[in-house]
């Protein structure tokens, strides 16, 4: 059996999920605002964040961008927990 050649690789990282605070919707989500303001190396298509093949960002830049998005979500969740008390 011939080996399959890897021609592309899709990495899917779920950002929004049922762990989001109940009062957050698409209009109030700080991560969506971050993306809409163009503050990410990814581009937005429908409900996905993608990188083009032409993107020249280094792995370090991409990883830092993912970490920044994670911090946005973590801050949102922390603030929601504090407000619920």
PDB file of N, CA and C in Angstrom:
ATOM      1  N   UNK A   1       0.842  -1.177   0.000  1.00  0.00           N
ATOM      2  CA  UNK A   1       0.000   0.000   0.000  1.00  0.00           C
ATOM      3  C   UNK A   1       0.891   1.244   0.000  1.00  0.00           C
ATOM      4  N   UNK A   2       0.676   2.180  -0.939  1.00  0.00           N
ATOM      5  CA  UNK A   2       1.516   3.381  -1.009  1.00  0.00           C
ATOM      6  C   UNK A   2       1.214   4.327   0.151  1.00  0.00           C
ATOM      7  N   UNK A   3       2.259   5.030   0.589  1.00  0.00           N
ATOM      8  CA  UNK A   3       2.091   6.022   1.656  1.00  0.00           C
ATOM      9  C   UNK A   3       1.348   7.230   1.117  1.00  0.00           C
ATOM     10  N   UNK A   4       0.519   7.811   1.974  1.00  0.00           N
ATOM     11  CA  UNK A   4      -0.177   9.030   1.586  1.00  0.00           C
ATOM     12  C   UNK A   4       0.750  10.214   1.807  1.00  0.00           C
ATOM     13  N   UNK A   5       0.734  11.128   0.872  1.00  0.00           N
ATOM     14  CA  UNK A   5       1.551  12.330   0.967  1.00  0.00           C
ATOM     15  C   UNK A   5       0.731  13.412   1.668  1.00  0.00           C
ATOM     16  N   UNK A   6       1.316  14.012   2.686  1.00  0.00           N
ATOM     17  CA  UNK A   6       0.654  15.093   3.415  1.00  0.00           C
ATOM     18  C   UNK A   6       0.830  16.385   2.629  1.00  0.00           C
ATOM     19  N   UNK A   7      -0.266  16.881   2.060  1.00  0.00           N
ATOM     20  CA  UNK A   7      -0.181  18.098   1.258  1.00  0.00           C
ATOM     21  C   UNK A   7      -0.653  19.334   2.018  1.00  0.00           C
ATOM     22  N   UNK A   8      -1.470  19.139   3.023  1.00  0.00           N
ATOM     23  CA  UNK A   8      -1.904  20.266   3.853  1.00  0.00           C
ATOM     24  C   UNK A   8      -2.323  19.720   5.211  1.00  0.00           C
ATOM     25  N   UNK A   9      -2.411  20.609   6.153  1.00  0.00           N
ATOM     26  CA  UNK A   9      -2.741  20.206   7.514  1.00  0.00           C
ATOM     27  C   UNK A   9      -3.708  21.221   8.102  1.00  0.00           C
ATOM     28  N   UNK A  10      -4.867  20.767   8.517  1.00  0.00           N
ATOM     29  CA  UNK A  10      -5.837  21.637   9.174  1.00  0.00           C
ATOM     30  C   UNK A  10      -5.758  21.408  10.677  1.00  0.00           C
ATOM     31  N   UNK A  11      -5.583  22.488  11.407  1.00  0.00           N
ATOM     32  CA  UNK A  11      -5.587  22.415  12.869  1.00  0.00           C
ATOM     33  C   UNK A  11      -6.813  23.185  13.335  1.00  0.00           C
ATOM     34  N   UNK A  12      -7.689  22.515  14.028  1.00  0.00           N
ATOM     35  CA  UNK A  12      -8.916  23.149  14.502  1.00  0.00           C
ATOM     36  C   UNK A  12      -8.839  23.268  16.018  1.00  0.00           C
ATOM     37  N   UNK A  13      -8.929  24.492  16.502  1.00  0.00           N
ATOM     38  CA  UNK A  13      -8.847  24.754  17.940  1.00  0.00           C
ATOM     39  C   UNK A  13     -10.163  25.396  18.370  1.00  0.00           C
ATOM     40  N   UNK A  14     -10.982  24.676  19.139  1.00  0.00           N
ATOM     41  CA  UNK A  14     -12.251  25.286  19.563  1.00  0.00           C
ATOM     42  C   UNK A  14     -12.002  26.378  20.599  1.00  0.00           C
ATOM     43  N   UNK A  15     -12.481  27.565  20.320  1.00  0.00           N
ATOM     44  CA  UNK A  15     -12.291  28.698  21.226  1.00  0.00           C
ATOM     45  C   UNK A  15     -13.568  28.921  22.032  1.00  0.00           C
ATOM     46  N   UNK A  16     -14.700  28.994  21.328  1.00  0.00           N
ATOM     47  CA  UNK A  16     -15.957  29.230  22.020  1.00  0.00           C
ATOM     48  C   UNK A  16     -16.666  27.899  22.208  1.00  0.00           C
ATOM     49  N   UNK A  17     -17.140  27.707  23.362  1.00  0.00           N
ATOM     50  CA  UNK A  17     -17.802  26.446  23.669  1.00  0.00           C
ATOM     51  C   UNK A  17     -18.744  26.690  24.830  1.00  0.00           C
ATOM     52  N   UNK A  18     -19.317  25.666  25.390  1.00  0.00           N
ATOM     53  CA  UNK A  18     -20.300  25.865  26.442  1.00  0.00           C
ATOM     54  C   UNK A  18     -19.691  26.374  27.747  1.00  0.00           C
ATOM     55  N   UNK A  19     -18.384  26.595  27.789  1.00  0.00           N
ATOM     56  CA  UNK A  19     -17.741  27.176  28.956  1.00  0.00           C
ATOM     57  C   UNK A  19     -17.822  28.689  28.974  1.00  0.00           C
ATOM     58  N   UNK A  20     -18.347  29.279  27.897  1.00  0.00           N
ATOM     59  CA  UNK A  20     -18.488  30.737  27.861  1.00  0.00           C
ATOM     60  C   UNK A  20     -19.559  31.163  28.856  1.00  0.00           C
ATOM     61  N   UNK A  21     -19.375  32.311  29.495  1.00  0.00           N
ATOM     62  CA  UNK A  21     -20.386  32.812  30.432  1.00  0.00           C
ATOM     63  C   UNK A  21     -21.742  32.953  29.754  1.00  0.00           C
ATOM     64  N   UNK A  22     -22.806  32.722  30.502  1.00  0.00           N
ATOM     65  CA  UNK A  22     -24.157  32.756  29.953  1.00  0.00           C
ATOM     66  C   UNK A  22     -24.581  34.084  29.380  1.00  0.00           C
ATOM     67  N   UNK A  23     -23.992  35.174  29.870  1.00  0.00           N
ATOM     68  CA  UNK A  23     -24.393  36.499  29.390  1.00  0.00           C
ATOM     69  C   UNK A  23     -23.607  36.944  28.144  1.00  0.00           C
ATOM     70  N   UNK A  24     -22.744  36.106  27.646  1.00  0.00           N
ATOM     71  CA  UNK A  24     -21.932  36.453  26.471  1.00  0.00           C
ATOM     72  C   UNK A  24     -22.595  35.897  25.219  1.00  0.00           C
ATOM     73  N   UNK A  25     -22.779  36.785  24.243  1.00  0.00           N
ATOM     74  CA  UNK A  25     -23.280  36.347  22.942  1.00  0.00           C
ATOM     75  C   UNK A  25     -22.337  36.874  21.865  1.00  0.00           C
ATOM     76  N   UNK A  26     -22.674  36.651  20.620  1.00  0.00           N
ATOM     77  CA  UNK A  26     -21.789  37.052  19.527  1.00  0.00           C
ATOM     78  C   UNK A  26     -21.487  38.554  19.535  1.00  0.00           C
ATOM     79  N   UNK A  27     -22.444  39.358  19.977  1.00  0.00           N
ATOM     80  CA  UNK A  27     -22.240  40.813  19.986  1.00  0.00           C
ATOM     81  C   UNK A  27     -21.384  41.286  21.148  1.00  0.00           C
ATOM     82  N   UNK A  28     -21.404  40.556  22.258  1.00  0.00           N
ATOM     83  CA  UNK A  28     -20.675  41.017  23.443  1.00  0.00           C
ATOM     84  C   UNK A  28     -19.371  40.259  23.690  1.00  0.00           C
ATOM     85  N   UNK A  29     -19.060  39.290  22.864  1.00  0.00           N
ATOM     86  CA  UNK A  29     -17.865  38.469  23.061  1.00  0.00           C
ATOM     87  C   UNK A  29     -16.594  39.287  22.817  1.00  0.00           C
ATOM     88  N   UNK A  30     -15.715  39.413  23.815  1.00  0.00           N
ATOM     89  CA  UNK A  30     -14.490  40.184  23.622  1.00  0.00           C
ATOM     90  C   UNK A  30     -13.539  39.549  22.611  1.00  0.00           C
ATOM     91  N   UNK A  31     -13.585  38.233  22.466  1.00  0.00           N
ATOM     92  CA  UNK A  31     -12.734  37.586  21.468  1.00  0.00           C
ATOM     93  C   UNK A  31     -13.190  37.932  20.052  1.00  0.00           C
ATOM     94  N   UNK A  32     -14.496  37.949  19.830  1.00  0.00           N
ATOM     95  CA  UNK A  32     -15.005  38.325  18.505  1.00  0.00           C
ATOM     96  C   UNK A  32     -14.651  39.772  18.179  1.00  0.00           C
ATOM     97  N   UNK A  33     -14.693  40.653  19.193  1.00  0.00           N
ATOM     98  CA  UNK A  33     -14.306  42.057  18.965  1.00  0.00           C
ATOM     99  C   UNK A  33     -12.821  42.136  18.603  1.00  0.00           C
ATOM    100  N   UNK A  34     -12.004  41.379  19.297  1.00  0.00           N
ATOM    101  CA  UNK A  34     -10.566  41.318  19.030  1.00  0.00           C
ATOM    102  C   UNK A  34     -10.310  40.909  17.572  1.00  0.00           C
ATOM    103  N   UNK A  35     -11.010  39.890  17.123  1.00  0.00           N
ATOM    104  CA  UNK A  35     -10.854  39.402  15.748  1.00  0.00           C
ATOM    105  C   UNK A  35     -11.382  40.435  14.752  1.00  0.00           C
ATOM    106  N   UNK A  36     -12.558  41.004  15.035  1.00  0.00           N
ATOM    107  CA  UNK A  36     -13.166  41.985  14.130  1.00  0.00           C
ATOM    108  C   UNK A  36     -12.302  43.233  13.972  1.00  0.00           C
ATOM    109  N   UNK A  37     -11.558  43.572  15.017  1.00  0.00           N
ATOM    110  CA  UNK A  37     -10.675  44.746  14.963  1.00  0.00           C
ATOM    111  C   UNK A  37      -9.369  44.458  14.228  1.00  0.00           C
ATOM    112  N   UNK A  38      -9.214  43.233  13.730  1.00  0.00           N
ATOM    113  CA  UNK A  38      -8.010  42.887  12.966  1.00  0.00           C
ATOM    114  C   UNK A  38      -6.766  42.735  13.822  1.00  0.00           C
ATOM    115  N   UNK A  39      -6.939  42.383  15.084  1.00  0.00           N
ATOM    116  CA  UNK A  39      -5.797  42.269  15.995  1.00  0.00           C
ATOM    117  C   UNK A  39      -5.264  40.848  16.077  1.00  0.00           C
ATOM    118  N   UNK A  40      -5.376  40.102  15.012  1.00  0.00           N
ATOM    119  CA  UNK A  40      -4.932  38.721  14.983  1.00  0.00           C
ATOM    120  C   UNK A  40      -4.260  38.417  13.651  1.00  0.00           C
ATOM    121  N   UNK A  41      -3.374  37.443  13.636  1.00  0.00           N
ATOM    122  CA  UNK A  41      -2.722  37.047  12.391  1.00  0.00           C
ATOM    123  C   UNK A  41      -3.653  36.187  11.546  1.00  0.00           C
ATOM    124  N   UNK A  42      -4.755  35.724  12.147  1.00  0.00           N
ATOM    125  CA  UNK A  42      -5.725  34.913  11.430  1.00  0.00           C
ATOM    126  C   UNK A  42      -6.707  35.803  10.685  1.00  0.00           C
ATOM    127  N   UNK A  43      -7.348  35.255   9.678  1.00  0.00           N
ATOM    128  CA  UNK A  43      -8.442  35.992   9.055  1.00  0.00           C
ATOM    129  C   UNK A  43      -9.736  35.248   9.350  1.00  0.00           C
ATOM    130  N   UNK A  44     -10.831  35.992   9.354  1.00  0.00           N
ATOM    131  CA  UNK A  44     -12.128  35.472   9.761  1.00  0.00           C
ATOM    132  C   UNK A  44     -12.937  35.130   8.524  1.00  0.00           C
ATOM    133  N   UNK A  45     -13.424  33.912   8.484  1.00  0.00           N
ATOM    134  CA  UNK A  45     -14.316  33.491   7.406  1.00  0.00           C
ATOM    135  C   UNK A  45     -15.464  32.720   8.035  1.00  0.00           C
ATOM    136  N   UNK A  46     -16.655  33.265   7.915  1.00  0.00           N
ATOM    137  CA  UNK A  46     -17.843  32.719   8.573  1.00  0.00           C
ATOM    138  C   UNK A  46     -17.565  32.572  10.064  1.00  0.00           C
ATOM    139  N   UNK A  47     -17.532  31.363  10.580  1.00  0.00           N
ATOM    140  CA  UNK A  47     -17.282  31.203  12.014  1.00  0.00           C
ATOM    141  C   UNK A  47     -15.955  30.495  12.250  1.00  0.00           C
ATOM    142  N   UNK A  48     -14.979  30.771  11.380  1.00  0.00           N
ATOM    143  CA  UNK A  48     -13.672  30.123  11.486  1.00  0.00           C
ATOM    144  C   UNK A  48     -12.572  31.177  11.440  1.00  0.00           C
ATOM    145  N   UNK A  49     -11.471  30.873  12.108  1.00  0.00           N
ATOM    146  CA  UNK A  49     -10.260  31.683  11.991  1.00  0.00           C
ATOM    147  C   UNK A  49      -9.278  30.861  11.172  1.00  0.00           C
ATOM    148  N   UNK A  50      -8.745  31.457  10.119  1.00  0.00           N
ATOM    149  CA  UNK A  50      -7.876  30.734   9.197  1.00  0.00           C
ATOM    150  C   UNK A  50      -6.598  31.505   8.943  1.00  0.00           C
ATOM    151  N   UNK A  51      -5.571  30.795   8.517  1.00  0.00           N
ATOM    152  CA  UNK A  51      -4.340  31.404   8.029  1.00  0.00           C
ATOM    153  C   UNK A  51      -4.243  31.117   6.546  1.00  0.00           C
ATOM    154  N   UNK A  52      -3.887  32.114   5.775  1.00  0.00           N
ATOM    155  CA  UNK A  52      -3.683  31.871   4.349  1.00  0.00           C
ATOM    156  C   UNK A  52      -2.312  31.238   4.140  1.00  0.00           C
ATOM    157  N   UNK A  53      -2.147  30.573   3.027  1.00  0.00           N
ATOM    158  CA  UNK A  53      -0.836  30.012   2.712  1.00  0.00           C
ATOM    159  C   UNK A  53       0.182  31.128   2.500  1.00  0.00           C
ATOM    160  N   UNK A  54      -0.288  32.322   2.162  1.00  0.00           N
ATOM    161  CA  UNK A  54       0.606  33.456   1.944  1.00  0.00           C
ATOM    162  C   UNK A  54       1.024  34.131   3.240  1.00  0.00           C
ATOM    163  N   UNK A  55       0.399  33.751   4.353  1.00  0.00           N
ATOM    164  CA  UNK A  55       0.721  34.366   5.632  1.00  0.00           C
ATOM    165  C   UNK A  55       2.186  34.099   5.965  1.00  0.00           C
ATOM    166  N   UNK A  56       2.904  35.132   6.307  1.00  0.00           N
ATOM    167  CA  UNK A  56       4.339  35.009   6.579  1.00  0.00           C
ATOM    168  C   UNK A  56       4.659  35.055   8.070  1.00  0.00           C
ATOM    169  N   UNK A  57       3.632  34.886   8.903  1.00  0.00           N
ATOM    170  CA  UNK A  57       3.865  34.906  10.347  1.00  0.00           C
ATOM    171  C   UNK A  57       4.673  33.691  10.764  1.00  0.00           C
ATOM    172  N   UNK A  58       5.569  33.901  11.704  1.00  0.00           N
ATOM    173  CA  UNK A  58       6.366  32.787  12.218  1.00  0.00           C
ATOM    174  C   UNK A  58       5.523  31.967  13.192  1.00  0.00           C
ATOM    175  N   UNK A  59       5.986  30.779  13.489  1.00  0.00           N
ATOM    176  CA  UNK A  59       5.289  29.943  14.461  1.00  0.00           C
ATOM    177  C   UNK A  59       5.194  30.666  15.803  1.00  0.00           C
ATOM    178  N   UNK A  60       6.247  31.387  16.189  1.00  0.00           N
ATOM    179  CA  UNK A  60       6.226  32.125  17.458  1.00  0.00           C
ATOM    180  C   UNK A  60       5.134  33.197  17.455  1.00  0.00           C
ATOM    181  N   UNK A  61       4.962  33.896  16.328  1.00  0.00           N
ATOM    182  CA  UNK A  61       3.916  34.919  16.234  1.00  0.00           C
ATOM    183  C   UNK A  61       2.524  34.294  16.293  1.00  0.00           C
ATOM    184  N   UNK A  62       2.354  33.181  15.618  1.00  0.00           N
ATOM    185  CA  UNK A  62       1.057  32.503  15.618  1.00  0.00           C
ATOM    186  C   UNK A  62       0.739  31.983  17.015  1.00  0.00           C
ATOM    187  N   UNK A  63       1.722  31.366  17.647  1.00  0.00           N
ATOM    188  CA  UNK A  63       1.523  30.843  19.004  1.00  0.00           C
ATOM    189  C   UNK A  63       1.205  31.980  19.975  1.00  0.00           C
ATOM    190  N   UNK A  64       1.904  33.096  19.867  1.00  0.00           N
ATOM    191  CA  UNK A  64       1.648  34.244  20.740  1.00  0.00           C
ATOM    192  C   UNK A  64       0.231  34.774  20.521  1.00  0.00           C
ATOM    193  N   UNK A  65      -0.240  34.754  19.288  1.00  0.00           N
ATOM    194  CA  UNK A  65      -1.582  35.205  18.966  1.00  0.00           C
ATOM    195  C   UNK A  65      -2.624  34.273  19.599  1.00  0.00           C
ATOM    196  N   UNK A  66      -2.400  32.980  19.521  1.00  0.00           N
ATOM    197  CA  UNK A  66      -3.308  32.007  20.143  1.00  0.00           C
ATOM    198  C   UNK A  66      -3.318  32.209  21.655  1.00  0.00           C
ATOM    199  N   UNK A  67      -2.159  32.436  22.244  1.00  0.00           N
ATOM    200  CA  UNK A  67      -2.080  32.668  23.691  1.00  0.00           C
ATOM    201  C   UNK A  67      -2.819  33.941  24.087  1.00  0.00           C
ATOM    202  N   UNK A  68      -2.735  34.977  23.259  1.00  0.00           N
ATOM    203  CA  UNK A  68      -3.453  36.217  23.545  1.00  0.00           C
ATOM    204  C   UNK A  68      -4.961  35.972  23.490  1.00  0.00           C
ATOM    205  N   UNK A  69      -5.423  35.194  22.519  1.00  0.00           N
ATOM    206  CA  UNK A  69      -6.844  34.880  22.437  1.00  0.00           C
ATOM    207  C   UNK A  69      -7.288  34.069  23.651  1.00  0.00           C
ATOM    208  N   UNK A  70      -6.435  33.159  24.100  1.00  0.00           N
ATOM    209  CA  UNK A  70      -6.726  32.370  25.295  1.00  0.00           C
ATOM    210  C   UNK A  70      -6.866  33.285  26.510  1.00  0.00           C
ATOM    211  N   UNK A  71      -5.973  34.277  26.630  1.00  0.00           N
ATOM    212  CA  UNK A  71      -6.034  35.221  27.753  1.00  0.00           C
ATOM    213  C   UNK A  71      -7.329  36.026  27.732  1.00  0.00           C
ATOM    214  N   UNK A  72      -7.782  36.395  26.536  1.00  0.00           N
ATOM    215  CA  UNK A  72      -9.043  37.135  26.412  1.00  0.00           C
ATOM    216  C   UNK A  72     -10.195  36.291  26.945  1.00  0.00           C
ATOM    217  N   UNK A  73     -10.237  35.022  26.550  1.00  0.00           N
ATOM    218  CA  UNK A  73     -11.302  34.130  27.017  1.00  0.00           C
ATOM    219  C   UNK A  73     -11.207  33.886  28.527  1.00  0.00           C
ATOM    220  N   UNK A  74     -10.002  33.694  29.016  1.00  0.00           N
ATOM    221  CA  UNK A  74      -9.804  33.450  30.445  1.00  0.00           C
ATOM    222  C   UNK A  74     -10.251  34.656  31.264  1.00  0.00           C
ATOM    223  N   UNK A  75      -9.909  35.851  30.821  1.00  0.00           N
ATOM    224  CA  UNK A  75     -10.312  37.082  31.517  1.00  0.00           C
ATOM    225  C   UNK A  75     -11.834  37.206  31.532  1.00  0.00           C
ATOM    226  N   UNK A  76     -12.461  36.909  30.404  1.00  0.00           N
ATOM    227  CA  UNK A  76     -13.920  36.977  30.307  1.00  0.00           C
ATOM    228  C   UNK A  76     -14.569  36.009  31.293  1.00  0.00           C
ATOM    229  N   UNK A  77     -14.064  34.787  31.348  1.00  0.00           N
ATOM    230  CA  UNK A  77     -14.618  33.785  32.259  1.00  0.00           C
ATOM    231  C   UNK A  77     -14.389  34.169  33.722  1.00  0.00           C
ATOM    232  N   UNK A  78     -13.211  34.701  34.028  1.00  0.00           N
ATOM    233  CA  UNK A  78     -12.897  35.117  35.402  1.00  0.00           C
ATOM    234  C   UNK A  78     -13.801  36.244  35.846  1.00  0.00           C
ATOM    235  N   UNK A  79     -13.986  37.241  34.983  1.00  0.00           N
ATOM    236  CA  UNK A  79     -14.856  38.369  35.317  1.00  0.00           C
ATOM    237  C   UNK A  79     -16.299  37.924  35.512  1.00  0.00           C
ATOM    238  N   UNK A  80     -16.750  36.984  34.704  1.00  0.00           N
ATOM    239  CA  UNK A  80     -18.116  36.476  34.850  1.00  0.00           C
ATOM    240  C   UNK A  80     -18.299  35.760  36.176  1.00  0.00           C
ATOM    241  N   UNK A  81     -17.289  35.002  36.596  1.00  0.00           N
ATOM    242  CA  UNK A  81     -17.359  34.304  37.881  1.00  0.00           C
ATOM    243  C   UNK A  81     -17.384  35.298  39.041  1.00  0.00           C
ATOM    244  N   UNK A  82     -16.587  36.383  38.936  1.00  0.00           N
ATOM    245  CA  UNK A  82     -16.555  37.393  39.998  1.00  0.00           C
ATOM    246  C   UNK A  82     -17.882  38.140  40.078  1.00  0.00           C
ATOM    247  N   UNK A  83     -18.493  38.398  38.927  1.00  0.00           N
ATOM    248  CA  UNK A  83     -19.765  39.120  38.906  1.00  0.00           C
ATOM    249  C   UNK A  83     -20.914  38.249  39.402  1.00  0.00           C
ATOM    250  N   UNK A  84     -20.751  36.935  39.333  1.00  0.00           N
ATOM    251  CA  UNK A  84     -21.810  36.018  39.771  1.00  0.00           C
ATOM    252  C   UNK A  84     -21.836  35.868  41.292  1.00  0.00           C
ATOM    253  N   UNK A  85     -20.790  36.297  41.939  1.00  0.00           N
ATOM    254  CA  UNK A  85     -20.725  36.157  43.412  1.00  0.00           C
ATOM    255  C   UNK A  85     -21.560  37.157  44.129  1.00  0.00           C
TER     256      UNK A  85
END
